[in-house]
Amino acid sequence: MLTMQCTKKLADELKINVAKVKPLALNPLYVWHAHLFFIHRHKCVLVMNNQTRYNFLMYGLKKADFNNFDNIVIDAIRQNLLVDGNDESIVEKYMQSCGQMIYTATSDRSVIGQINEMRFAIETG
């Protein structure tokens, strides 16, 4: 099961209520954090894996993208892993193991801190 831990801003944009559940029993490779912010008035979502801190930015998202967020994030994870040179068979095995996506509130302050550092680097870079 793929777990997306959303910040309040992203949960509000997705119009979902998220439970404050710490994913202790889940495989940490399938737990991600996501945060919504703006760059030059464009909506962006920074997605970071809790275990590896692997992250990527989705830039210029529109309202329709948030209506189909599950599929867009899963596709973005696949594409980014492939572009970064990971073996296609390993990426496909990971994606098949993801299963259904669930949303929860953020639970790891260290991940939030690293998301904020990445956001700062993106905005000033």
Foldseek 3Di string as FASTA:
>chain_A
DAEEAEAPVLCVLLVHDAAADDPPPDDQQRYKYWYWDDAPNAIKIWIARPPPRDIDMDTRDDSVCSPVVQVVVLVVQLVVCVVVPDDNVVSVVVSVVNPDYDYHHDDDVVSVVVVVVVVVVVNVD
